[in-house]
Amino acid sequence: KPLITKTGKDKGDGVIEWTITVNKGGHLDLEGWTLSDKINGVDLSGKEVKISPAINGSTTITLPYTFPKGEQEYTITYTTEHTHDGWQNITNEAEMSKNGNSSGSDSAGVNIEGKKNIYSKQGTGIELNEDGKTITLNWDVNFTITKDTASGWTFTDTPQNGQYFTPAQIADLKKQLNSVFREGNYTLTNNQNKSETEN
């Protein structure tokens, strides 16, 4: 009977990549054996997946798929999408069968932690400046960066009630951004009045 193994990997962008290995070592003629697959008990009939090596010149097959004659090991890959709404476990089970008889199945589970806040911000202290008249407010901003939050986002921080960024503070912010994103991979815009930044 053909051996079958299954693995799954959360790519961190709302997509899980699944890999099925059929007939490890190519020890059996697969003619007449059918591959089927389920996610959380739901049949994936009609799902188009990639297969390697190609069969009859084609690198894709549609599940369930009945193999032609040949002693060959195959790797099947495909992706499914999921939401981040709360913790969940996604189980995927692949099976090989022939004439109603199963050669066995293998399943893989992927835990999804649930959507997290993209950023957090909190004050970390107040310092009296050397002039004895102004103060510096210290803030700690943290970003949770994954593949689905790494680009296309705009973070806006608007000082209020007489607060402003000094040129030194803006330079320090840019230095920190460069250490994370590298210069040229982000855009920093200062919309303050010139008179404010000169203080």
C-alpha atoms as a PDB file:
ATOM      1  CA  LYS A   1       0.000   0.000   0.000  1.00  0.00           C
ATOM      2  CA  PRO A   2       1.276   3.515  -0.811  1.00  0.00           C
ATOM      3  CA  LEU A   3       2.514   5.522   2.122  1.00  0.00           C
ATOM      4  CA  ILE A   4       1.085   9.009   2.650  1.00  0.00           C
ATOM      5  CA  THR A   5       2.253  11.847   4.900  1.00  0.00           C
ATOM      6  CA  LYS A   6       0.841  15.317   5.501  1.00  0.00           C
ATOM      7  CA  THR A   7       2.229  18.578   6.960  1.00  0.00           C
ATOM      8  CA  GLY A   8       0.861  22.097   7.346  1.00  0.00           C
ATOM      9  CA  LYS A   9       2.488  25.461   7.966  1.00  0.00           C
ATOM     10  CA  ASP A  10       0.912  28.802   8.883  1.00  0.00           C
ATOM     11  CA  LYS A  11       2.638  31.414   6.704  1.00  0.00           C
ATOM     12  CA  GLY A  12       1.482  34.232   8.977  1.00  0.00           C
ATOM     13  CA  ASP A  13      -0.494  36.121   6.345  1.00  0.00           C
ATOM     14  CA  GLY A  14      -3.872  34.431   6.581  1.00  0.00           C
ATOM     15  CA  VAL A  15      -2.649  31.492   4.481  1.00  0.00           C
ATOM     16  CA  ILE A  16      -1.748  27.908   5.414  1.00  0.00           C
ATOM     17  CA  GLU A  17       0.492  25.904   3.101  1.00  0.00           C
ATOM     18  CA  TRP A  18      -0.170  22.150   3.032  1.00  0.00           C
ATOM     19  CA  THR A  19       2.183  19.464   1.732  1.00  0.00           C
ATOM     20  CA  ILE A  20       1.267  15.844   0.979  1.00  0.00           C
ATOM     21  CA  THR A  21       3.848  13.190   0.149  1.00  0.00           C
ATOM     22  CA  VAL A  22       2.483  10.123  -1.639  1.00  0.00           C
ATOM     23  CA  ASN A  23       4.243   6.783  -2.184  1.00  0.00           C
ATOM     24  CA  LYS A  24       7.457   7.685  -0.358  1.00  0.00           C
ATOM     25  CA  GLY A  25      10.398   6.068  -2.124  1.00  0.00           C
ATOM     26  CA  GLY A  26       8.277   5.187  -5.167  1.00  0.00           C
ATOM     27  CA  HIS A  27       7.953   1.572  -4.054  1.00  0.00           C
ATOM     28  CA  LEU A  28       4.443   0.888  -5.397  1.00  0.00           C
ATOM     29  CA  ASP A  29       2.559   1.189  -8.684  1.00  0.00           C
ATOM     30  CA  LEU A  30      -0.074   3.878  -7.979  1.00  0.00           C
ATOM     31  CA  GLU A  31      -2.408   2.894 -10.832  1.00  0.00           C
ATOM     32  CA  GLY A  32      -6.023   3.101  -9.611  1.00  0.00           C
ATOM     33  CA  TRP A  33      -5.190   4.683  -6.229  1.00  0.00           C
ATOM     34  CA  THR A  34      -7.177   7.837  -5.431  1.00  0.00           C
ATOM     35  CA  LEU A  35      -6.011  10.768  -3.296  1.00  0.00           C
ATOM     36  CA  SER A  36      -8.654  12.686  -1.368  1.00  0.00           C
ATOM     37  CA  ASP A  37      -8.385  15.404   1.267  1.00  0.00           C
ATOM     38  CA  LYS A  38     -10.499  17.036   3.966  1.00  0.00           C
ATOM     39  CA  ILE A  39     -10.134  20.155   6.133  1.00  0.00           C
ATOM     40  CA  ASN A  40     -11.931  19.972   9.480  1.00  0.00           C
ATOM     41  CA  GLY A  41     -14.049  17.206   7.979  1.00  0.00           C
ATOM     42  CA  VAL A  42     -15.021  19.175   4.855  1.00  0.00           C
ATOM     43  CA  ASP A  43     -14.224  17.377   1.582  1.00  0.00           C
ATOM     44  CA  LEU A  44     -11.929  19.335  -0.757  1.00  0.00           C
ATOM     45  CA  SER A  45     -13.458  17.880  -3.922  1.00  0.00           C
ATOM     46  CA  GLY A  46     -12.787  20.201  -6.868  1.00  0.00           C
ATOM     47  CA  LYS A  47      -9.696  21.747  -5.250  1.00  0.00           C
ATOM     48  CA  GLU A  48      -6.876  22.319  -7.760  1.00  0.00           C
ATOM     49  CA  VAL A  49      -3.444  21.526  -6.307  1.00  0.00           C
ATOM     50  CA  LYS A  50       0.153  21.466  -7.499  1.00  0.00           C
ATOM     51  CA  ILE A  51       1.970  18.179  -8.024  1.00  0.00           C
ATOM     52  CA  SER A  52       5.640  17.323  -8.527  1.00  0.00           C
ATOM     53  CA  PRO A  53       6.921  15.722 -10.655  1.00  0.00           C
ATOM     54  CA  ALA A  54       4.425  16.561 -13.391  1.00  0.00           C
ATOM     55  CA  ILE A  55       1.968  13.914 -14.602  1.00  0.00           C
ATOM     56  CA  ASN A  56       1.505  13.765 -18.373  1.00  0.00           C
ATOM     57  CA  GLY A  57       3.118  17.196 -18.625  1.00  0.00           C
ATOM     58  CA  SER A  58       0.763  18.811 -16.097  1.00  0.00           C
ATOM     59  CA  THR A  59       1.896  20.255 -12.749  1.00  0.00           C
ATOM     60  CA  THR A  60      -1.651  20.551 -11.391  1.00  0.00           C
ATOM     61  CA  ILE A  61      -4.337  18.008 -10.529  1.00  0.00           C
ATOM     62  CA  THR A  62      -7.873  18.284  -9.156  1.00  0.00           C
ATOM     63  CA  LEU A  63      -8.935  16.466  -5.982  1.00  0.00           C
ATOM     64  CA  PRO A  64      -9.959  13.732  -5.653  1.00  0.00           C
ATOM     65  CA  TYR A  65      -7.341  12.433  -8.057  1.00  0.00           C
ATOM     66  CA  THR A  66      -6.807   8.879  -9.355  1.00  0.00           C
ATOM     67  CA  PHE A  67      -3.200   8.177 -10.294  1.00  0.00           C
ATOM     68  CA  PRO A  68      -2.132   6.588 -13.591  1.00  0.00           C
ATOM     69  CA  LYS A  69       0.212   3.626 -13.860  1.00  0.00           C
ATOM     70  CA  GLY A  70       3.713   4.235 -12.500  1.00  0.00           C
ATOM     71  CA  GLU A  71       6.003   3.728  -9.521  1.00  0.00           C
ATOM     72  CA  GLN A  72       6.716   7.294  -8.482  1.00  0.00           C
ATOM     73  CA  GLU A  73       6.893   9.405  -5.343  1.00  0.00           C
ATOM     74  CA  TYR A  74       4.805  12.601  -5.581  1.00  0.00           C
ATOM     75  CA  THR A  75       4.660  15.831  -3.607  1.00  0.00           C
ATOM     76  CA  ILE A  76       1.375  17.714  -3.615  1.00  0.00           C
ATOM     77  CA  THR A  77       1.171  21.307  -2.351  1.00  0.00           C
ATOM     78  CA  TYR A  78      -1.617  23.849  -2.042  1.00  0.00           C
ATOM     79  CA  THR A  79      -2.791  26.672   0.194  1.00  0.00           C
ATOM     80  CA  THR A  80      -5.961  27.522   2.095  1.00  0.00           C
ATOM     81  CA  GLU A  81      -7.006  30.795   3.673  1.00  0.00           C
ATOM     82  CA  HIS A  82      -8.145  31.329   7.241  1.00  0.00           C
ATOM     83  CA  THR A  83      -9.323  34.167   9.444  1.00  0.00           C
ATOM     84  CA  HIS A  84      -7.602  35.468  12.602  1.00  0.00           C
ATOM     85  CA  ASP A  85     -10.853  35.665  14.558  1.00  0.00           C
ATOM     86  CA  GLY A  86      -9.923  33.883  17.759  1.00  0.00           C
ATOM     87  CA  TRP A  87      -7.769  30.840  18.494  1.00  0.00           C
ATOM     88  CA  GLN A  88      -8.511  27.839  16.345  1.00  0.00           C
ATOM     89  CA  ASN A  89      -7.060  24.526  15.260  1.00  0.00           C
ATOM     90  CA  ILE A  90      -7.297  23.591  11.592  1.00  0.00           C
ATOM     91  CA  THR A  91      -6.950  19.886  10.840  1.00  0.00           C
ATOM     92  CA  ASN A  92      -6.265  18.538   7.371  1.00  0.00           C
ATOM     93  CA  GLU A  93      -6.547  14.819   6.573  1.00  0.00           C
ATOM     94  CA  ALA A  94      -5.367  13.205   3.342  1.00  0.00           C
ATOM     95  CA  GLU A  95      -6.246   9.641   2.342  1.00  0.00           C
ATOM     96  CA  MET A  96      -5.309   7.138  -0.355  1.00  0.00           C
ATOM     97  CA  SER A  97      -7.904   4.560  -1.391  1.00  0.00           C
ATOM     98  CA  LYS A  98      -8.526   1.974  -4.121  1.00  0.00           C
ATOM     99  CA  ASN A  99     -11.711   0.037  -4.883  1.00  0.00           C
ATOM    100  CA  GLY A 100     -13.194   1.183  -1.589  1.00  0.00           C
ATOM    101  CA  ASN A 101     -10.194   0.070   0.426  1.00  0.00           C
ATOM    102  CA  SER A 102      -8.037   2.628   2.235  1.00  0.00           C
ATOM    103  CA  SER A 103      -4.261   2.403   2.418  1.00  0.00           C
ATOM    104  CA  GLY A 104      -4.443   4.685   5.417  1.00  0.00           C
ATOM    105  CA  SER A 105      -4.460   8.410   5.984  1.00  0.00           C
ATOM    106  CA  ASP A 106      -2.360  11.088   7.604  1.00  0.00           C
ATOM    107  CA  SER A 107      -3.454  14.349   9.150  1.00  0.00           C
ATOM    108  CA  ALA A 108      -1.782  17.601  10.119  1.00  0.00           C
ATOM    109  CA  GLY A 109      -3.038  20.308  12.436  1.00  0.00           C
ATOM    110  CA  VAL A 110      -2.161  24.012  12.463  1.00  0.00           C
ATOM    111  CA  ASN A 111      -2.913  26.246  15.454  1.00  0.00           C
ATOM    112  CA  ILE A 112      -4.020  29.797  14.684  1.00  0.00           C
ATOM    113  CA  GLU A 113      -3.512  32.163  17.618  1.00  0.00           C
ATOM    114  CA  GLY A 114      -6.009  34.800  16.522  1.00  0.00           C
ATOM    115  CA  LYS A 115      -5.608  38.358  15.400  1.00  0.00           C
ATOM    116  CA  LYS A 116      -3.341  40.590  17.466  1.00  0.00           C
ATOM    117  CA  ASN A 117      -3.162  44.348  17.652  1.00  0.00           C
ATOM    118  CA  ILE A 118      -0.803  45.669  15.012  1.00  0.00           C
ATOM    119  CA  TYR A 119       0.666  48.239  17.381  1.00  0.00           C
ATOM    120  CA  SER A 120       0.579  49.420  20.977  1.00  0.00           C
ATOM    121  CA  LYS A 121       1.549  52.753  22.498  1.00  0.00           C
ATOM    122  CA  GLN A 122       2.069  53.815  26.099  1.00  0.00           C
ATOM    123  CA  GLY A 123       3.737  56.643  28.008  1.00  0.00           C
ATOM    124  CA  THR A 124       6.910  55.691  29.879  1.00  0.00           C
ATOM    125  CA  GLY A 125       7.749  58.847  31.813  1.00  0.00           C
ATOM    126  CA  ILE A 126       8.134  62.627  32.035  1.00  0.00           C
ATOM    127  CA  GLU A 127      11.419  64.528  32.246  1.00  0.00           C
ATOM    128  CA  LEU A 128      11.992  68.212  33.088  1.00  0.00           C
ATOM    129  CA  ASN A 129      14.238  69.818  30.466  1.00  0.00           C
ATOM    130  CA  GLU A 130      17.337  71.892  31.267  1.00  0.00           C
ATOM    131  CA  ASP A 131      15.509  75.164  30.620  1.00  0.00           C
ATOM    132  CA  GLY A 132      13.319  74.415  33.619  1.00  0.00           C
ATOM    133  CA  LYS A 133      10.232  75.397  31.620  1.00  0.00           C
ATOM    134  CA  THR A 134       9.518  72.566  29.230  1.00  0.00           C
ATOM    135  CA  ILE A 135       9.170  68.839  29.703  1.00  0.00           C
ATOM    136  CA  THR A 136       9.848  65.769  27.552  1.00  0.00           C
ATOM    137  CA  LEU A 137       7.201  63.048  27.384  1.00  0.00           C
ATOM    138  CA  ASN A 138       8.621  59.581  26.652  1.00  0.00           C
ATOM    139  CA  TRP A 139       6.554  57.139  24.617  1.00  0.00           C
ATOM    140  CA  ASP A 140       6.998  53.451  23.804  1.00  0.00           C
ATOM    141  CA  VAL A 141       5.444  52.285  20.507  1.00  0.00           C
ATOM    142  CA  ASN A 142       5.592  48.612  19.502  1.00  0.00           C
ATOM    143  CA  PHE A 143       4.589  47.104  16.160  1.00  0.00           C
ATOM    144  CA  THR A 144       3.669  43.460  15.536  1.00  0.00           C
ATOM    145  CA  ILE A 145       4.991  42.805  12.044  1.00  0.00           C
ATOM    146  CA  THR A 146       3.903  39.776  10.030  1.00  0.00           C
ATOM    147  CA  LYS A 147       3.651  39.185   6.298  1.00  0.00           C
ATOM    148  CA  ASP A 148       0.143  40.654   6.206  1.00  0.00           C
ATOM    149  CA  THR A 149       1.095  43.786   8.189  1.00  0.00           C
ATOM    150  CA  ALA A 150       4.550  44.492   6.782  1.00  0.00           C
ATOM    151  CA  SER A 151       3.503  46.835   3.983  1.00  0.00           C
ATOM    152  CA  GLY A 152       0.801  49.281   2.990  1.00  0.00           C
ATOM    153  CA  TRP A 153       0.123  50.602   6.488  1.00  0.00           C
ATOM    154  CA  THR A 154       0.278  54.234   7.614  1.00  0.00           C
ATOM    155  CA  PHE A 155       0.931  55.064  11.258  1.00  0.00           C
ATOM    156  CA  THR A 156       0.028  58.619  12.252  1.00  0.00           C
ATOM    157  CA  ASP A 157       1.044  60.195  15.558  1.00  0.00           C
ATOM    158  CA  THR A 158      -0.388  63.677  16.193  1.00  0.00           C
ATOM    159  CA  PRO A 159       0.996  65.632  19.187  1.00  0.00           C
ATOM    160  CA  GLN A 160      -1.694  67.580  21.037  1.00  0.00           C
ATOM    161  CA  ASN A 161      -2.015  70.258  23.733  1.00  0.00           C
ATOM    162  CA  GLY A 162       1.200  72.060  22.840  1.00  0.00           C
ATOM    163  CA  GLN A 163       3.301  68.925  22.305  1.00  0.00           C
ATOM    164  CA  TYR A 164       5.747  68.741  19.400  1.00  0.00           C
ATOM    165  CA  PHE A 165       8.739  66.800  18.097  1.00  0.00           C
ATOM    166  CA  THR A 166      12.125  68.507  18.221  1.00  0.00           C
ATOM    167  CA  PRO A 167      14.599  68.025  15.320  1.00  0.00           C
ATOM    168  CA  ALA A 168      16.706  65.800  17.590  1.00  0.00           C
ATOM    169  CA  GLN A 169      13.685  63.626  18.401  1.00  0.00           C
ATOM    170  CA  ILE A 170      12.771  63.275  14.734  1.00  0.00           C
ATOM    171  CA  ALA A 171      16.371  62.325  13.910  1.00  0.00           C
ATOM    172  CA  ASP A 172      16.333  59.698  16.673  1.00  0.00           C
ATOM    173  CA  LEU A 173      13.017  58.312  15.395  1.00  0.00           C
ATOM    174  CA  LYS A 174      14.426  57.991  11.890  1.00  0.00           C
ATOM    175  CA  LYS A 175      17.492  56.207  13.242  1.00  0.00           C
ATOM    176  CA  GLN A 176      15.282  53.660  15.010  1.00  0.00           C
ATOM    177  CA  LEU A 177      13.147  53.140  11.906  1.00  0.00           C
ATOM    178  CA  ASN A 178      16.263  52.571   9.805  1.00  0.00           C
ATOM    179  CA  SER A 179      17.420  49.845  12.193  1.00  0.00           C
ATOM    180  CA  VAL A 180      14.137  47.951  11.684  1.00  0.00           C
ATOM    181  CA  PHE A 181      12.937  48.690   8.144  1.00  0.00           C
ATOM    182  CA  ARG A 182      16.136  49.983   6.501  1.00  0.00           C
ATOM    183  CA  GLU A 183      16.200  53.380   4.883  1.00  0.00           C
ATOM    184  CA  GLY A 184      14.176  53.568   1.694  1.00  0.00           C
ATOM    185  CA  ASN A 185      11.639  50.948   2.790  1.00  0.00           C
ATOM    186  CA  TYR A 186       9.390  53.440   4.572  1.00  0.00           C
ATOM    187  CA  THR A 187       8.297  57.081   4.357  1.00  0.00           C
ATOM    188  CA  LEU A 188       8.522  59.436   7.349  1.00  0.00           C
ATOM    189  CA  THR A 189       6.538  62.670   6.978  1.00  0.00           C
ATOM    190  CA  ASN A 190       6.730  65.592   9.418  1.00  0.00           C
ATOM    191  CA  ASN A 191       3.658  67.822   9.170  1.00  0.00           C
ATOM    192  CA  GLN A 192       4.541  70.122  12.048  1.00  0.00           C
ATOM    193  CA  ASN A 193       4.870  73.884  11.641  1.00  0.00           C
ATOM    194  CA  LYS A 194       8.469  74.994  11.210  1.00  0.00           C
ATOM    195  CA  SER A 195       8.193  77.236  14.268  1.00  0.00           C
ATOM    196  CA  GLU A 196       7.326  74.214  16.410  1.00  0.00           C
ATOM    197  CA  THR A 197      10.293  72.116  15.328  1.00  0.00           C
ATOM    198  CA  GLU A 198      12.697  74.967  15.980  1.00  0.00           C
ATOM    199  CA  ASN A 199      11.853  75.064  19.676  1.00  0.00           C
END
